[in-house]
Amino acid sequence: RDVPFGLHHITCADGTTIGCESCEELWTPQASHIDLALRGVEIIGNGSGSHHELRKLSTRMELMINATRKCGGVYLYSNQRGCDGSRTYYDGCAM
C-alpha cells in the first residue's frame, strides 16, 4: 500500500476541511497555510514547539493574524508546555 506524503488535508462528513502545518512553517515566507488555503482548507492547526523568549508572543500573534488575514478561515495554535530538562522553556501558549 502507498501512503501519501507531503501537504494534505482531511474533509469531514459535513464538508469542513482541516489541515495542519508544523511549528517552523508559520515563520517562513512561503508557509504551508497559504497552499492549504488555496486548496480550500478552512481550519488550519499548528502544534508548535517554539521556545520562550521575551516579547516573542507578540511576534507569534502577528504571524497568526497575518495568516488569517491572507487566507481567511480559522487558525488554531497550541505551543508545547514545560521544560526540556535543560535550559529551554516552552510557555504553553494556545490561541
Protein backbone atom coordinates (compact mmCIF):
# COMPACT_ATOMS: atom_id res chain seq x y z
CA ARG A 1 0.00 0.00 0.00
CA ASP A 2 1.02 3.56 -0.65
CA VAL A 3 0.82 6.27 1.95
CA PRO A 4 0.57 9.90 0.83
CA PHE A 5 3.48 12.09 1.87
CA GLY A 6 3.57 15.88 1.94
CA LEU A 7 0.95 18.56 2.33
CA HIS A 8 -2.52 17.03 2.79
CA HIS A 9 -5.81 17.82 4.48
CA ILE A 10 -8.94 15.96 5.52
CA THR A 11 -12.55 16.64 4.65
CA CYS A 12 -15.15 15.95 7.33
CA ALA A 13 -18.59 14.48 6.65
CA ASP A 14 -20.16 17.96 6.82
CA GLY A 15 -17.69 19.27 4.21
CA THR A 16 -15.41 21.15 6.61
CA THR A 17 -11.76 20.87 5.60
CA ILE A 18 -8.93 20.69 8.15
CA GLY A 19 -5.18 20.87 7.57
CA CYS A 20 -2.09 21.48 9.65
CA GLU A 21 1.37 22.93 9.42
CA SER A 22 4.34 22.41 11.66
CA CYS A 23 5.79 24.92 14.10
CA GLU A 24 8.52 26.25 11.85
CA GLU A 25 6.29 26.68 8.80
CA LEU A 26 4.43 29.60 10.37
CA TRP A 27 7.70 31.57 10.44
CA THR A 28 8.64 31.03 6.76
CA PRO A 29 7.77 33.38 3.86
CA GLN A 30 6.04 30.61 1.91
CA ALA A 31 4.17 28.99 4.77
CA SER A 32 2.06 25.85 4.26
CA HIS A 33 -1.14 27.63 5.32
CA ILE A 34 -1.02 29.56 2.03
CA ASP A 35 -1.10 26.38 -0.08
CA LEU A 36 -3.68 24.82 2.23
CA ALA A 37 -5.95 27.86 1.91
CA LEU A 38 -5.62 27.77 -1.89
CA ARG A 39 -6.85 24.15 -1.71
CA GLY A 40 -9.95 25.31 0.20
CA VAL A 41 -8.87 24.32 3.72
CA GLU A 42 -10.96 26.21 6.28
CA ILE A 43 -9.29 25.24 9.57
CA ILE A 44 -5.50 25.14 9.94
CA GLY A 45 -3.84 23.84 13.08
CA ASN A 46 -0.29 24.38 14.27
CA GLY A 47 1.11 22.17 17.03
CA SER A 48 4.19 24.15 17.93
CA GLY A 49 7.41 23.60 19.83
CA SER A 50 8.53 27.22 19.98
CA HIS A 51 10.79 28.05 22.93
CA HIS A 52 10.07 31.06 25.13
CA GLU A 53 11.72 34.43 24.52
CA LEU A 54 10.76 37.85 25.84
CA ARG A 55 8.27 39.60 23.53
CA LYS A 56 8.05 36.55 21.26
CA LEU A 57 4.31 36.23 21.90
CA SER A 58 3.63 39.49 20.04
CA THR A 59 5.57 38.14 17.04
CA ARG A 60 3.58 34.89 17.13
CA MET A 61 0.33 36.83 17.33
CA GLU A 62 1.31 38.99 14.37
CA LEU A 63 2.17 35.92 12.29
CA MET A 64 -1.16 34.23 13.09
CA ILE A 65 -3.19 37.39 12.48
CA ASN A 66 -1.46 37.89 9.13
CA ALA A 67 -2.04 34.24 8.22
CA THR A 68 -5.76 34.66 8.91
CA ARG A 69 -5.91 37.98 7.03
CA LYS A 70 -4.21 36.44 3.99
CA CYS A 71 -6.05 33.15 3.93
CA GLY A 72 -9.28 33.54 5.90
CA GLY A 73 -10.69 30.65 7.87
CA VAL A 74 -9.62 29.64 11.36
CA TYR A 75 -6.03 29.30 12.59
CA LEU A 76 -5.54 27.15 15.70
CA TYR A 77 -2.24 27.37 17.59
CA SER A 78 -1.00 25.36 20.53
CA ASN A 79 2.55 25.51 21.85
CA GLN A 80 4.35 22.86 23.85
CA ARG A 81 4.43 23.46 27.60
CA GLY A 82 7.21 22.71 30.03
CA CYS A 83 10.94 22.32 30.06
CA ASP A 84 13.25 20.07 28.08
CA GLY A 85 15.24 19.12 31.19
CA SER A 86 17.93 21.65 30.45
CA ARG A 87 17.57 25.40 29.96
CA THR A 88 14.86 25.56 27.30
CA TYR A 89 11.38 26.55 28.45
CA TYR A 90 8.16 26.24 26.43
CA ASP A 91 5.37 28.56 27.56
CA GLY A 92 2.31 26.50 26.56
CA CYS A 93 0.65 29.37 24.71
CA ALA A 94 -2.59 28.44 22.88
CA MET A 95 -4.81 30.57 20.65
